[in-house]
Amino acid sequence: MFPASKTTKLHKGYLLIADISGYTVYLNKSELDHAQQTLTALLELLVENIKPPLHISRLQGDAVCS
């Protein structure tokens, strides 16, 4: 661990990275429209259910970073 300098503020908190494991394999074995609908539904559930103290930082591919 690095020592904090006088100008560095330390913050404690949570980090959540919800990644849909195996999505690429699933996508390759499924119909594209069906796979996209499934991914959209899963990501919407994640986004709708992330509550404080967490907040969404970004969506990246098949992952939600909070």
PDB file of N, CA and C in Angstrom:
ATOM      1  N   MET A   1       0.839  -1.165   0.000  1.00  0.00           N
ATOM      2  CA  MET A   1       0.000   0.000   0.000  1.00  0.00           C
ATOM      3  C   MET A   1       0.889   1.234   0.000  1.00  0.00           C
ATOM      4  N   PHE A   2       0.483   2.244  -0.760  1.00  0.00           N
ATOM      5  CA  PHE A   2       1.254   3.463  -0.862  1.00  0.00           C
ATOM      6  C   PHE A   2       0.851   4.439   0.246  1.00  0.00           C
ATOM      7  N   PRO A   3       1.808   5.126   0.843  1.00  0.00           N
ATOM      8  CA  PRO A   3       1.455   6.114   1.863  1.00  0.00           C
ATOM      9  C   PRO A   3       0.735   7.302   1.224  1.00  0.00           C
ATOM     10  N   ALA A   4      -0.230   7.867   1.925  1.00  0.00           N
ATOM     11  CA  ALA A   4      -0.980   9.008   1.412  1.00  0.00           C
ATOM     12  C   ALA A   4      -0.138  10.272   1.543  1.00  0.00           C
ATOM     13  N   SER A   5      -0.179  11.093   0.515  1.00  0.00           N
ATOM     14  CA  SER A   5       0.518  12.380   0.600  1.00  0.00           C
ATOM     15  C   SER A   5      -0.416  13.381   1.281  1.00  0.00           C
ATOM     16  N   LYS A   6       0.078  14.567   1.538  1.00  0.00           N
ATOM     17  CA  LYS A   6      -0.735  15.584   2.212  1.00  0.00           C
ATOM     18  C   LYS A   6      -1.911  16.039   1.356  1.00  0.00           C
ATOM     19  N   THR A   7      -1.816  15.895   0.039  1.00  0.00           N
ATOM     20  CA  THR A   7      -2.900  16.336  -0.843  1.00  0.00           C
ATOM     21  C   THR A   7      -3.825  15.197  -1.256  1.00  0.00           C
ATOM     22  N   THR A   8      -3.504  13.989  -0.872  1.00  0.00           N
ATOM     23  CA  THR A   8      -4.308  12.835  -1.241  1.00  0.00           C
ATOM     24  C   THR A   8      -5.419  12.609  -0.226  1.00  0.00           C
ATOM     25  N   LYS A   9      -6.637  12.448  -0.735  1.00  0.00           N
ATOM     26  CA  LYS A   9      -7.768  12.120   0.133  1.00  0.00           C
ATOM     27  C   LYS A   9      -8.099  10.651  -0.082  1.00  0.00           C
ATOM     28  N   LEU A  10      -8.222   9.930   0.998  1.00  0.00           N
ATOM     29  CA  LEU A  10      -8.607   8.532   0.917  1.00  0.00           C
ATOM     30  C   LEU A  10     -10.110   8.426   1.059  1.00  0.00           C
ATOM     31  N   HIS A  11     -10.708   7.584   0.243  1.00  0.00           N
ATOM     32  CA  HIS A  11     -12.143   7.364   0.294  1.00  0.00           C
ATOM     33  C   HIS A  11     -12.399   5.876   0.463  1.00  0.00           C
ATOM     34  N   LYS A  12     -13.327   5.552   1.320  1.00  0.00           N
ATOM     35  CA  LYS A  12     -13.757   4.164   1.465  1.00  0.00           C
ATOM     36  C   LYS A  12     -15.106   4.033   0.793  1.00  0.00           C
ATOM     37  N   GLY A  13     -15.339   2.902   0.178  1.00  0.00           N
ATOM     38  CA  GLY A  13     -16.616   2.710  -0.493  1.00  0.00           C
ATOM     39  C   GLY A  13     -16.716   1.326  -1.085  1.00  0.00           C
ATOM     40  N   TYR A  14     -17.630   1.203  -1.998  1.00  0.00           N
ATOM     41  CA  TYR A  14     -17.911  -0.077  -2.640  1.00  0.00           C
ATOM     42  C   TYR A  14     -17.612   0.021  -4.124  1.00  0.00           C
ATOM     43  N   LEU A  15     -17.277  -1.112  -4.708  1.00  0.00           N
ATOM     44  CA  LEU A  15     -17.074  -1.220  -6.144  1.00  0.00           C
ATOM     45  C   LEU A  15     -17.838  -2.448  -6.607  1.00  0.00           C
ATOM     46  N   LEU A  16     -18.709  -2.261  -7.573  1.00  0.00           N
ATOM     47  CA  LEU A  16     -19.478  -3.372  -8.132  1.00  0.00           C
ATOM     48  C   LEU A  16     -19.260  -3.382  -9.628  1.00  0.00           C
ATOM     49  N   ILE A  17     -18.809  -4.505 -10.135  1.00  0.00           N
ATOM     50  CA  ILE A  17     -18.710  -4.697 -11.579  1.00  0.00           C
ATOM     51  C   ILE A  17     -19.530  -5.930 -11.904  1.00  0.00           C
ATOM     52  N   ALA A  18     -20.685  -5.704 -12.480  1.00  0.00           N
ATOM     53  CA  ALA A  18     -21.576  -6.807 -12.853  1.00  0.00           C
ATOM     54  C   ALA A  18     -21.317  -7.123 -14.324  1.00  0.00           C
ATOM     55  N   ASP A  19     -20.712  -8.252 -14.564  1.00  0.00           N
ATOM     56  CA  ASP A  19     -20.331  -8.659 -15.915  1.00  0.00           C
ATOM     57  C   ASP A  19     -21.079  -9.939 -16.256  1.00  0.00           C
ATOM     58  N   ILE A  20     -21.613 -10.006 -17.458  1.00  0.00           N
ATOM     59  CA  ILE A  20     -22.371 -11.181 -17.869  1.00  0.00           C
ATOM     60  C   ILE A  20     -21.392 -12.192 -18.457  1.00  0.00           C
ATOM     61  N   SER A  21     -20.926 -13.097 -17.599  1.00  0.00           N
ATOM     62  CA  SER A  21     -19.932 -14.093 -18.000  1.00  0.00           C
ATOM     63  C   SER A  21     -20.495 -15.023 -19.064  1.00  0.00           C
ATOM     64  N   GLY A  22     -19.676 -15.316 -20.043  1.00  0.00           N
ATOM     65  CA  GLY A  22     -20.073 -16.251 -21.090  1.00  0.00           C
ATOM     66  C   GLY A  22     -20.994 -15.641 -22.130  1.00  0.00           C
ATOM     67  N   TYR A  23     -21.157 -14.320 -22.108  1.00  0.00           N
ATOM     68  CA  TYR A  23     -22.092 -13.702 -23.049  1.00  0.00           C
ATOM     69  C   TYR A  23     -21.659 -13.906 -24.501  1.00  0.00           C
ATOM     70  N   THR A  24     -20.366 -13.786 -24.772  1.00  0.00           N
ATOM     71  CA  THR A  24     -19.893 -13.947 -26.150  1.00  0.00           C
ATOM     72  C   THR A  24     -20.186 -15.349 -26.670  1.00  0.00           C
ATOM     73  N   VAL A  25     -19.958 -16.358 -25.842  1.00  0.00           N
ATOM     74  CA  VAL A  25     -20.267 -17.741 -26.236  1.00  0.00           C
ATOM     75  C   VAL A  25     -21.771 -17.884 -26.476  1.00  0.00           C
ATOM     76  N   TYR A  26     -22.575 -17.332 -25.545  1.00  0.00           N
ATOM     77  CA  TYR A  26     -24.034 -17.378 -25.683  1.00  0.00           C
ATOM     78  C   TYR A  26     -24.467 -16.694 -26.975  1.00  0.00           C
ATOM     79  N   LEU A  27     -23.890 -15.533 -27.256  1.00  0.00           N
ATOM     80  CA  LEU A  27     -24.235 -14.779 -28.451  1.00  0.00           C
ATOM     81  C   LEU A  27     -23.931 -15.578 -29.714  1.00  0.00           C
ATOM     82  N   ASN A  28     -22.808 -16.267 -29.723  1.00  0.00           N
ATOM     83  CA  ASN A  28     -22.418 -17.063 -30.897  1.00  0.00           C
ATOM     84  C   ASN A  28     -23.308 -18.280 -31.109  1.00  0.00           C
ATOM     85  N   LYS A  29     -23.976 -18.761 -30.053  1.00  0.00           N
ATOM     86  CA  LYS A  29     -24.819 -19.944 -30.159  1.00  0.00           C
ATOM     87  C   LYS A  29     -26.308 -19.608 -30.277  1.00  0.00           C
ATOM     88  N   SER A  30     -26.653 -18.317 -30.233  1.00  0.00           N
ATOM     89  CA  SER A  30     -28.054 -17.898 -30.227  1.00  0.00           C
ATOM     90  C   SER A  30     -28.368 -17.045 -31.446  1.00  0.00           C
ATOM     91  N   GLU A  31     -29.667 -16.850 -31.658  1.00  0.00           N
ATOM     92  CA  GLU A  31     -30.082 -15.899 -32.675  1.00  0.00           C
ATOM     93  C   GLU A  31     -29.756 -14.505 -32.158  1.00  0.00           C
ATOM     94  N   LEU A  32     -29.239 -13.662 -33.012  1.00  0.00           N
ATOM     95  CA  LEU A  32     -28.774 -12.346 -32.604  1.00  0.00           C
ATOM     96  C   LEU A  32     -29.880 -11.518 -31.947  1.00  0.00           C
ATOM     97  N   ASP A  33     -31.084 -11.518 -32.524  1.00  0.00           N
ATOM     98  CA  ASP A  33     -32.181 -10.729 -31.949  1.00  0.00           C
ATOM     99  C   ASP A  33     -32.535 -11.214 -30.550  1.00  0.00           C
ATOM    100  N   HIS A  34     -32.602 -12.529 -30.373  1.00  0.00           N
ATOM    101  CA  HIS A  34     -32.954 -13.092 -29.066  1.00  0.00           C
ATOM    102  C   HIS A  34     -31.860 -12.786 -28.040  1.00  0.00           C
ATOM    103  N   ALA A  35     -30.612 -12.933 -28.446  1.00  0.00           N
ATOM    104  CA  ALA A  35     -29.499 -12.673 -27.536  1.00  0.00           C
ATOM    105  C   ALA A  35     -29.474 -11.201 -27.119  1.00  0.00           C
ATOM    106  N   GLN A  36     -29.730 -10.300 -28.053  1.00  0.00           N
ATOM    107  CA  GLN A  36     -29.728  -8.868 -27.738  1.00  0.00           C
ATOM    108  C   GLN A  36     -30.856  -8.522 -26.770  1.00  0.00           C
ATOM    109  N   GLN A  37     -32.033  -9.125 -26.971  1.00  0.00           N
ATOM    110  CA  GLN A  37     -33.160  -8.891 -26.056  1.00  0.00           C
ATOM    111  C   GLN A  37     -32.832  -9.389 -24.655  1.00  0.00           C
ATOM    112  N   THR A  38     -32.184 -10.531 -24.565  1.00  0.00           N
ATOM    113  CA  THR A  38     -31.806 -11.091 -23.267  1.00  0.00           C
ATOM    114  C   THR A  38     -30.794 -10.192 -22.565  1.00  0.00           C
ATOM    115  N   LEU A  39     -29.786  -9.746 -23.281  1.00  0.00           N
ATOM    116  CA  LEU A  39     -28.780  -8.858 -22.703  1.00  0.00           C
ATOM    117  C   LEU A  39     -29.424  -7.553 -22.232  1.00  0.00           C
ATOM    118  N   THR A  40     -30.285  -6.989 -23.050  1.00  0.00           N
ATOM    119  CA  THR A  40     -30.966  -5.749 -22.684  1.00  0.00           C
ATOM    120  C   THR A  40     -31.771  -5.929 -21.401  1.00  0.00           C
ATOM    121  N   ALA A  41     -32.510  -7.019 -21.292  1.00  0.00           N
ATOM    122  CA  ALA A  41     -33.320  -7.285 -20.097  1.00  0.00           C
ATOM    123  C   ALA A  41     -32.438  -7.432 -18.853  1.00  0.00           C
ATOM    124  N   LEU A  42     -31.332  -8.150 -18.973  1.00  0.00           N
ATOM    125  CA  LEU A  42     -30.431  -8.338 -17.832  1.00  0.00           C
ATOM    126  C   LEU A  42     -29.793  -7.021 -17.397  1.00  0.00           C
ATOM    127  N   LEU A  43     -29.328  -6.234 -18.352  1.00  0.00           N
ATOM    128  CA  LEU A  43     -28.710  -4.954 -18.015  1.00  0.00           C
ATOM    129  C   LEU A  43     -29.732  -3.991 -17.409  1.00  0.00           C
ATOM    130  N   GLU A  44     -30.969  -3.998 -17.918  1.00  0.00           N
ATOM    131  CA  GLU A  44     -32.014  -3.144 -17.344  1.00  0.00           C
ATOM    132  C   GLU A  44     -32.293  -3.518 -15.892  1.00  0.00           C
ATOM    133  N   LEU A  45     -32.322  -4.822 -15.601  1.00  0.00           N
ATOM    134  CA  LEU A  45     -32.523  -5.263 -14.220  1.00  0.00           C
ATOM    135  C   LEU A  45     -31.395  -4.777 -13.312  1.00  0.00           C
ATOM    136  N   LEU A  46     -30.175  -4.897 -13.790  1.00  0.00           N
ATOM    137  CA  LEU A  46     -29.040  -4.426 -12.996  1.00  0.00           C
ATOM    138  C   LEU A  46     -29.128  -2.922 -12.747  1.00  0.00           C
ATOM    139  N   VAL A  47     -29.391  -2.158 -13.795  1.00  0.00           N
ATOM    140  CA  VAL A  47     -29.448  -0.703 -13.684  1.00  0.00           C
ATOM    141  C   VAL A  47     -30.582  -0.284 -12.747  1.00  0.00           C
ATOM    142  N   GLU A  48     -31.751  -0.915 -12.880  1.00  0.00           N
ATOM    143  CA  GLU A  48     -32.909  -0.559 -12.052  1.00  0.00           C
ATOM    144  C   GLU A  48     -32.700  -0.894 -10.585  1.00  0.00           C
ATOM    145  N   ASN A  49     -31.878  -1.881 -10.287  1.00  0.00           N
ATOM    146  CA  ASN A  49     -31.747  -2.355  -8.912  1.00  0.00           C
ATOM    147  C   ASN A  49     -30.481  -1.913  -8.199  1.00  0.00           C
ATOM    148  N   ILE A  50     -29.672  -1.095  -8.830  1.00  0.00           N
ATOM    149  CA  ILE A  50     -28.513  -0.531  -8.138  1.00  0.00           C
ATOM    150  C   ILE A  50     -29.011   0.666  -7.341  1.00  0.00           C
ATOM    151  N   LYS A  51     -28.871   0.577  -6.048  1.00  0.00           N
ATOM    152  CA  LYS A  51     -29.388   1.585  -5.119  1.00  0.00           C
ATOM    153  C   LYS A  51     -28.242   2.183  -4.309  1.00  0.00           C
ATOM    154  N   PRO A  52     -28.469   3.375  -3.738  1.00  0.00           N
ATOM    155  CA  PRO A  52     -27.449   3.986  -2.874  1.00  0.00           C
ATOM    156  C   PRO A  52     -27.067   3.036  -1.747  1.00  0.00           C
ATOM    157  N   PRO A  53     -25.820   3.003  -1.397  1.00  0.00           N
ATOM    158  CA  PRO A  53     -24.791   3.992  -1.681  1.00  0.00           C
ATOM    159  C   PRO A  53     -24.131   3.820  -3.045  1.00  0.00           C
ATOM    160  N   LEU A  54     -24.526   2.830  -3.814  1.00  0.00           N
ATOM    161  CA  LEU A  54     -23.940   2.631  -5.138  1.00  0.00           C
ATOM    162  C   LEU A  54     -24.601   3.545  -6.154  1.00  0.00           C
ATOM    163  N   HIS A  55     -23.877   3.902  -7.184  1.00  0.00           N
ATOM    164  CA  HIS A  55     -24.438   4.599  -8.327  1.00  0.00           C
ATOM    165  C   HIS A  55     -23.703   4.097  -9.566  1.00  0.00           C
ATOM    166  N   ILE A  56     -24.350   4.229 -10.708  1.00  0.00           N
ATOM    167  CA  ILE A  56     -23.761   3.708 -11.939  1.00  0.00           C
ATOM    168  C   ILE A  56     -22.693   4.675 -12.431  1.00  0.00           C
ATOM    169  N   SER A  57     -21.518   4.142 -12.613  1.00  0.00           N
ATOM    170  CA  SER A  57     -20.406   4.918 -13.139  1.00  0.00           C
ATOM    171  C   SER A  57     -20.423   4.881 -14.665  1.00  0.00           C
ATOM    172  N   ARG A  58     -20.589   3.665 -15.198  1.00  0.00           N
ATOM    173  CA  ARG A  58     -20.655   3.527 -16.663  1.00  0.00           C
ATOM    174  C   ARG A  58     -21.173   2.151 -17.049  1.00  0.00           C
ATOM    175  N   LEU A  59     -21.649   2.060 -18.264  1.00  0.00           N
ATOM    176  CA  LEU A  59     -21.989   0.787 -18.888  1.00  0.00           C
ATOM    177  C   LEU A  59     -20.901   0.545 -19.929  1.00  0.00           C
ATOM    178  N   GLN A  60     -20.361  -0.653 -19.915  1.00  0.00           N
ATOM    179  CA  GLN A  60     -19.276  -0.964 -20.849  1.00  0.00           C
ATOM    180  C   GLN A  60     -19.509  -2.346 -21.404  1.00  0.00           C
ATOM    181  N   GLY A  61     -19.915  -2.421 -22.662  1.00  0.00           N
ATOM    182  CA  GLY A  61     -20.201  -3.722 -23.277  1.00  0.00           C
ATOM    183  C   GLY A  61     -21.310  -4.426 -22.532  1.00  0.00           C
ATOM    184  N   ASP A  62     -20.991  -5.582 -21.967  1.00  0.00           N
ATOM    185  CA  ASP A  62     -21.990  -6.352 -21.222  1.00  0.00           C
ATOM    186  C   ASP A  62     -21.780  -6.212 -19.720  1.00  0.00           C
ATOM    187  N   ALA A  63     -21.174  -5.108 -19.286  1.00  0.00           N
ATOM    188  CA  ALA A  63     -20.890  -4.906 -17.863  1.00  0.00           C
ATOM    189  C   ALA A  63     -21.468  -3.576 -17.372  1.00  0.00           C
ATOM    190  N   VAL A  64     -21.880  -3.599 -16.099  1.00  0.00           N
ATOM    191  CA  VAL A  64     -22.317  -2.383 -15.414  1.00  0.00           C
ATOM    192  C   VAL A  64     -21.294  -2.106 -14.332  1.00  0.00           C
ATOM    193  N   CYS A  65     -20.686  -0.944 -14.363  1.00  0.00           N
ATOM    194  CA  CYS A  65     -19.695  -0.561 -13.355  1.00  0.00           C
ATOM    195  C   CYS A  65     -20.342   0.442 -12.411  1.00  0.00           C
ATOM    196  N   SER A  66     -20.264   0.109 -11.127  1.00  0.00           N
ATOM    197  CA  SER A  66     -20.892   0.961 -10.123  1.00  0.00           C
ATOM    198  C   SER A  66     -19.934   1.163  -8.963  1.00  0.00           C
TER     199      SER A  66
END
